[in-house]
Structures are given as structure tokens and as C-alpha cells.
Amino acid sequence: MLEIKNLYAGYGGSDVIRNISFNAKPGESLCVLGPNGCGKSTLLKSLARIIDYRGSVSLNGRDITALSRKELAKKIAMLGQMTQIFFSYTVYETVSMGRYAYSDGFLKNPSSQDEKIIDDVIKELDIWDLKDRLIDELSGGQLQRVFLARTLAQTPEVILLDEPTNHLDLKYQIEFMRYLKKWVKDNNKILIGVYHDLNLVQHYGDTVVLISEGEVAIQGEAAEVLNSKTLTAVYGIDIQSFMKETMQKWIVD
């Protein structure tokens, strides 16, 4: 169980998120929604201990501030919108970095167990034929799948996603979300993702935390939140009516 209680965080002494509290349980895909600037990414950075926060974040009853960086990397992994490329590693080398927390040093060769995990995740994400390619030669969609493979190679208990499908075409968005949903269920992991596409949330989200101006406006089952008047109030538009109107355009007599 991941438990967040009374979380405050921000930048330059000013809080962006305030008094955020919610739980996420194994096997659950939790979606974080809200308008631009409401604090969604700040929340994820807090959960990953990238920025300082006040309040508590605990995993299986243990506060994450008690974990070393290496221990934390074994528990929580974060995948952002797109990671900058500083060095031109191969796909295999990039995915291998996900096993760093389990090694004795950066230049150590991976163990046989590490190699099996790396090979399996590369094959599962259908990038085996790219394993010897340099990552700066890949398309945005291919690169995001490589970074997802690196994230899964960490074998974390919690995965944090910050708008992960932004650089994927529709086919890969669907495949990406289907794979993650199944991975979370099959492995009894926790997924917390920030999304803008409410259709993806409708299909693949179990629960939703809706944030407005840095605070939780509503939380609950995805179907309940996505059909609430609170959603309309937060976004300033009748989203349900807009979605229905859009769907009518796809209906052919």
C-alpha cells in the first residue's frame, strides 16, 4: 500500500500542492487529472523524492524518507514525458541502467539474473530488434518504449508516469496503456499516472485523483469521477457532453 498524507510541496518557498492525501493499493492503476499548472507533476516529483515536501509518503508502512537512494530506486521508478539524451548508448545499454540499483557499481557487468530481466522486458516491449541501435537514432515512439523498458527493468513496486503517451501515435498509446495495465495487475504493482487524455483514463484507469489549484477536488472510482459535476467545474467545460458530441461523429448509419 502506498499512503500519502497531508502532502505539501512547491518551489522557492511557495507551495504548489497543498494537503494532498490518498492511498493506492497493489494491482491498481491510479490516474491523476487536472488542468495545466494545478500541481500534477509536482505531486509525482514529491513521490519520487526529486523535490522536498512536507507531510508523509509511506510504502508498506515505511516512510520513504527512511530509504537510501538505492533502496528507493528499487521501490519507486518514474517515467517522464521524454528523457533528454546526454550520451548515445545502445538500446540494450539504456535498458540495463534500470538494474543499477541492484549492482555494486556503475561499471559492473550485469549478473545472469539482471540479464534475464533485461532480455525479457526488451522482448515483451517488442524492441529486441532495436537492442543494438543507438538511442539517438530512434523515433520518439521507439525511444519512449526504450525508457519504459528501463523503468520496468528496475522491477519497482510503484511506477510513476508523467504524461507518458505524449510522443506516441494512437496505436502505440493503446498498446502502451494495455501493456502497463496488464503488467500492474499481473505483478501486483502500483501505477500512478498523470494524463490529459480522459479517454485513456476511461479505458485504463481504476481510480482517479482530480486536482484543482493544488488541492484534491475529488477522488474515487474512475467512472464516478469522470461523470461528476466536479470534473466539469474544474475544467470549466462540460466534458461529458463534448465527448458524446464527438462520439456521434464516429457513428455511421
Protein backbone atom coordinates (compact mmCIF):
# COMPACT_ATOMS: atom_id res chain seq x y z
CA MET A 1 0.00 0.00 0.00
CA LEU A 2 1.21 3.50 -0.86
CA GLU A 3 -0.13 6.10 1.56
CA ILE A 4 0.12 9.85 1.01
CA LYS A 5 -0.95 12.05 3.91
CA ASN A 6 -1.20 15.85 4.09
CA LEU A 7 1.39 16.43 1.36
CA TYR A 8 2.66 19.95 0.67
CA ALA A 9 5.33 20.77 -1.92
CA GLY A 10 6.42 23.53 -4.26
CA TYR A 11 9.30 25.71 -5.33
CA GLY A 12 11.05 28.75 -3.91
CA GLY A 13 9.20 28.56 -0.63
CA SER A 14 5.77 28.63 -2.29
CA ASP A 15 3.50 25.57 -2.14
CA VAL A 16 2.12 24.29 -5.45
CA ILE A 17 0.26 21.35 -3.90
CA ARG A 18 -1.44 21.54 -0.53
CA ASN A 19 -2.83 18.95 1.87
CA ILE A 20 -2.88 16.09 -0.67
CA SER A 21 -3.94 12.74 0.77
CA PHE A 22 -4.81 9.44 -0.94
CA ASN A 23 -3.90 5.74 -0.98
CA ALA A 24 -3.02 3.36 -3.79
CA LYS A 25 -3.03 -0.41 -3.45
CA PRO A 26 -1.21 -3.20 -5.33
CA GLY A 27 -2.76 -4.02 -8.70
CA GLU A 28 -4.25 -0.53 -9.01
CA SER A 29 -3.87 1.97 -11.84
CA LEU A 30 -4.46 5.39 -10.31
CA CYS A 31 -4.82 8.42 -12.61
CA VAL A 32 -4.02 11.98 -11.59
CA LEU A 33 -6.02 14.58 -13.51
CA GLY A 34 -6.34 18.35 -13.53
CA PRO A 35 -5.77 21.46 -15.65
CA ASN A 36 -2.29 22.67 -16.59
CA GLY A 37 -0.42 24.15 -13.65
CA CYS A 38 -2.55 22.52 -10.95
CA GLY A 39 0.38 20.59 -9.47
CA LYS A 40 0.22 17.13 -11.06
CA SER A 41 3.91 16.91 -11.96
CA THR A 42 4.88 18.45 -8.63
CA LEU A 43 2.98 15.63 -6.92
CA LEU A 44 4.91 12.96 -8.85
CA LYS A 45 8.25 14.64 -8.14
CA SER A 46 7.38 14.61 -4.44
CA LEU A 47 6.51 10.90 -4.51
CA ALA A 48 9.83 10.20 -6.26
CA ARG A 49 11.67 12.39 -3.70
CA ILE A 50 13.00 14.58 -6.51
CA ILE A 51 11.84 17.65 -4.59
CA ASP A 52 11.37 18.26 -0.88
CA TYR A 53 7.91 18.03 0.64
CA ARG A 54 6.08 18.25 3.94
CA GLY A 55 3.71 15.53 5.07
CA SER A 56 4.27 11.80 4.75
CA VAL A 57 4.67 9.26 1.95
CA SER A 58 4.90 5.66 3.09
CA LEU A 59 5.14 2.38 1.21
CA ASN A 60 4.03 -0.77 3.04
CA GLY A 61 4.07 1.18 6.29
CA ARG A 62 7.61 2.55 5.85
CA ASP A 63 8.23 6.25 5.27
CA ILE A 64 10.20 6.70 2.05
CA THR A 65 12.47 9.28 3.70
CA ALA A 66 13.97 6.34 5.63
CA LEU A 67 15.14 4.74 2.36
CA SER A 68 18.53 5.36 0.76
CA ARG A 69 18.53 6.47 -2.87
CA LYS A 70 19.39 2.95 -3.99
CA GLU A 71 16.66 1.42 -1.84
CA LEU A 72 14.17 3.97 -3.15
CA ALA A 73 15.09 3.12 -6.76
CA LYS A 74 14.17 -0.50 -6.05
CA LYS A 75 10.76 0.60 -4.78
CA ILE A 76 9.72 3.58 -6.93
CA ALA A 77 10.50 4.37 -10.58
CA MET A 78 9.44 7.41 -12.58
CA LEU A 79 8.98 7.80 -16.32
CA GLY A 80 8.53 11.34 -17.59
CA GLN A 81 7.22 12.77 -20.85
CA MET A 82 10.59 12.39 -22.56
CA THR A 83 14.06 11.94 -21.13
CA GLN A 84 16.90 14.02 -22.53
CA ILE A 85 19.67 12.15 -24.30
CA PHE A 86 23.06 13.11 -22.93
CA PHE A 87 25.05 10.14 -24.25
CA SER A 88 24.46 7.88 -27.23
CA TYR A 89 24.08 4.49 -25.60
CA THR A 90 22.61 1.45 -27.32
CA VAL A 91 19.07 0.36 -26.51
CA TYR A 92 20.41 -2.61 -24.53
CA GLU A 93 22.79 -0.42 -22.51
CA THR A 94 19.98 2.04 -21.79
CA VAL A 95 17.62 -0.64 -20.51
CA SER A 96 20.48 -2.13 -18.48
CA MET A 97 20.67 1.12 -16.50
CA GLY A 98 17.41 0.10 -14.86
CA ARG A 99 19.40 -2.54 -12.94
CA TYR A 100 21.90 -0.06 -11.49
CA ALA A 101 20.26 -0.07 -8.03
CA TYR A 102 20.95 -3.82 -7.82
CA SER A 103 24.64 -3.61 -8.80
CA ASP A 104 27.77 -2.82 -6.81
CA GLY A 105 28.88 -0.08 -9.16
CA PHE A 106 28.16 1.70 -12.44
CA LEU A 107 30.77 -0.20 -14.48
CA LYS A 108 29.93 -3.64 -13.11
CA ASN A 109 28.71 -6.21 -15.61
CA PRO A 110 25.09 -7.29 -15.08
CA SER A 111 24.51 -10.61 -13.35
CA SER A 112 22.81 -13.51 -15.10
CA GLN A 113 19.59 -12.60 -13.25
CA ASP A 114 19.91 -8.98 -14.41
CA GLU A 115 20.46 -10.12 -17.99
CA LYS A 116 17.34 -12.28 -17.90
CA ILE A 117 15.23 -9.37 -16.61
CA ILE A 118 16.68 -7.03 -19.25
CA ASP A 119 16.19 -9.54 -22.08
CA ASP A 120 12.63 -10.36 -21.00
CA VAL A 121 11.46 -6.75 -20.81
CA ILE A 122 13.06 -5.85 -24.15
CA LYS A 123 11.29 -8.77 -25.81
CA GLU A 124 7.96 -8.02 -24.10
CA LEU A 125 8.03 -4.43 -25.38
CA ASP A 126 8.89 -5.61 -28.91
CA ILE A 127 12.17 -3.71 -29.18
CA TRP A 128 14.51 -6.71 -29.37
CA ASP A 129 15.35 -5.92 -32.99
CA LEU A 130 16.49 -2.46 -31.83
CA LYS A 131 18.71 -3.64 -28.96
CA ASP A 132 21.99 -2.80 -30.73
CA ARG A 133 20.78 0.53 -32.15
CA LEU A 134 21.97 3.83 -30.66
CA ILE A 135 19.14 5.61 -28.89
CA ASP A 136 19.76 8.91 -30.70
CA GLU A 137 18.82 7.10 -33.93
CA LEU A 138 15.33 6.19 -32.72
CA SER A 139 11.97 7.84 -33.28
CA GLY A 140 10.17 9.44 -30.34
CA GLY A 141 7.81 6.47 -30.02
CA GLN A 142 10.62 3.93 -30.10
CA LEU A 143 12.60 5.94 -27.56
CA GLN A 144 9.68 6.11 -25.14
CA ARG A 145 9.32 2.33 -25.29
CA VAL A 146 13.03 2.01 -24.50
CA PHE A 147 12.65 4.29 -21.49
CA LEU A 148 9.61 2.28 -20.36
CA ALA A 149 11.72 -0.88 -20.64
CA ARG A 150 14.41 0.75 -18.49
CA THR A 151 11.76 1.68 -15.93
CA LEU A 152 10.32 -1.85 -15.80
CA ALA A 153 13.83 -3.31 -15.54
CA GLN A 154 14.04 -1.62 -12.13
CA THR A 155 11.27 -4.04 -11.04
CA PRO A 156 9.80 -1.35 -8.76
CA GLU A 157 6.74 -1.67 -6.58
CA VAL A 158 5.42 1.71 -7.76
CA ILE A 159 5.68 3.28 -11.21
CA LEU A 160 5.07 7.00 -11.65
CA LEU A 161 4.16 8.22 -15.14
CA ASP A 162 4.11 11.86 -16.22
CA GLU A 163 2.06 12.11 -19.44
CA PRO A 164 3.89 9.08 -20.87
CA THR A 165 1.96 8.80 -24.16
CA ASN A 166 2.65 12.32 -25.46
CA HIS A 167 5.17 11.15 -28.07
CA LEU A 168 3.30 8.03 -29.16
CA ASP A 169 0.91 7.64 -32.06
CA LEU A 170 -2.56 6.29 -31.37
CA LYS A 171 -1.63 2.63 -31.95
CA TYR A 172 1.30 2.77 -29.54
CA GLN A 173 -0.68 4.80 -26.99
CA ILE A 174 -3.22 1.98 -26.81
CA GLU A 175 -0.56 -0.75 -26.75
CA PHE A 176 1.44 1.16 -24.14
CA MET A 177 -1.53 1.56 -21.79
CA ARG A 178 -2.78 -2.01 -22.32
CA TYR A 179 0.65 -3.40 -21.54
CA LEU A 180 1.07 -1.32 -18.38
CA LYS A 181 -2.43 -2.14 -17.13
CA LYS A 182 -1.74 -5.86 -17.55
CA TRP A 183 1.74 -5.57 -16.04
CA VAL A 184 0.37 -3.85 -12.94
CA LYS A 185 -2.37 -6.47 -12.48
CA ASP A 186 -0.19 -9.50 -13.21
CA ASN A 187 2.66 -8.36 -10.96
CA ASN A 188 0.55 -6.78 -8.21
CA LYS A 189 2.27 -3.41 -8.63
CA ILE A 190 1.03 0.18 -8.24
CA LEU A 191 0.76 2.59 -11.16
CA ILE A 192 0.23 6.33 -10.65
CA GLY A 193 -0.02 8.26 -13.89
CA VAL A 194 -0.62 11.87 -14.88
CA TYR A 195 -2.76 12.10 -18.03
CA HIS A 196 -4.51 14.72 -20.14
CA ASP A 197 -6.38 12.26 -22.38
CA LEU A 198 -9.56 11.40 -20.50
CA ASN A 199 -10.38 8.64 -22.99
CA LEU A 200 -7.27 6.74 -21.87
CA VAL A 201 -8.32 7.24 -18.25
CA GLN A 202 -11.82 5.98 -19.04
CA HIS A 203 -10.42 2.79 -20.55
CA TYR A 204 -7.43 2.04 -18.35
CA GLY A 205 -7.88 3.85 -15.03
CA ASP A 206 -9.16 2.16 -11.89
CA THR A 207 -9.26 5.21 -9.63
CA VAL A 208 -8.81 8.95 -10.16
CA VAL A 209 -7.47 11.83 -8.08
CA LEU A 210 -8.62 15.14 -9.57
CA ILE A 211 -6.52 18.14 -8.56
CA SER A 212 -7.66 21.75 -8.80
CA GLU A 213 -5.40 24.65 -7.88
CA GLY A 214 -3.07 22.42 -5.91
CA GLU A 215 -5.70 20.60 -3.85
CA VAL A 216 -7.74 17.42 -4.26
CA ALA A 217 -11.12 18.36 -5.71
CA ILE A 218 -12.49 14.81 -5.81
CA GLN A 219 -11.18 11.25 -5.76
CA GLY A 220 -12.77 7.87 -6.30
CA GLU A 221 -13.55 5.23 -8.91
CA ALA A 222 -12.74 6.38 -12.43
CA ALA A 223 -16.33 6.09 -13.70
CA GLU A 224 -17.60 8.10 -10.75
CA VAL A 225 -15.10 10.96 -11.09
CA LEU A 226 -15.33 11.17 -14.88
CA ASN A 227 -19.10 11.58 -14.66
CA SER A 228 -19.09 14.09 -11.82
CA LYS A 229 -20.12 17.73 -11.90
CA THR A 230 -16.82 18.45 -10.15
CA LEU A 231 -14.92 17.44 -13.31
CA THR A 232 -16.90 19.97 -15.33
CA ALA A 233 -16.34 22.68 -12.71
CA VAL A 234 -12.57 22.06 -12.55
CA TYR A 235 -12.02 22.08 -16.31
CA GLY A 236 -14.56 24.82 -17.00
CA ILE A 237 -16.27 22.85 -19.77
CA ASP A 238 -18.99 20.21 -19.97
CA ILE A 239 -16.61 17.42 -20.86
CA GLN A 240 -19.21 14.64 -20.90
CA SER A 241 -21.40 16.49 -23.43
CA PHE A 242 -18.35 17.27 -25.58
CA MET A 243 -17.28 13.61 -25.57
CA LYS A 244 -20.78 12.45 -26.52
CA GLU A 245 -20.95 15.00 -29.33
CA THR A 246 -17.57 13.85 -30.61
CA MET A 247 -18.57 10.20 -30.50
CA GLN A 248 -21.66 10.94 -32.57
CA LYS A 249 -19.36 11.97 -35.41
CA TRP A 250 -17.89 8.45 -35.45
CA ILE A 251 -21.26 6.76 -35.74
CA VAL A 252 -22.04 5.82 -39.32
CA ASP A 253 -25.55 4.73 -40.29
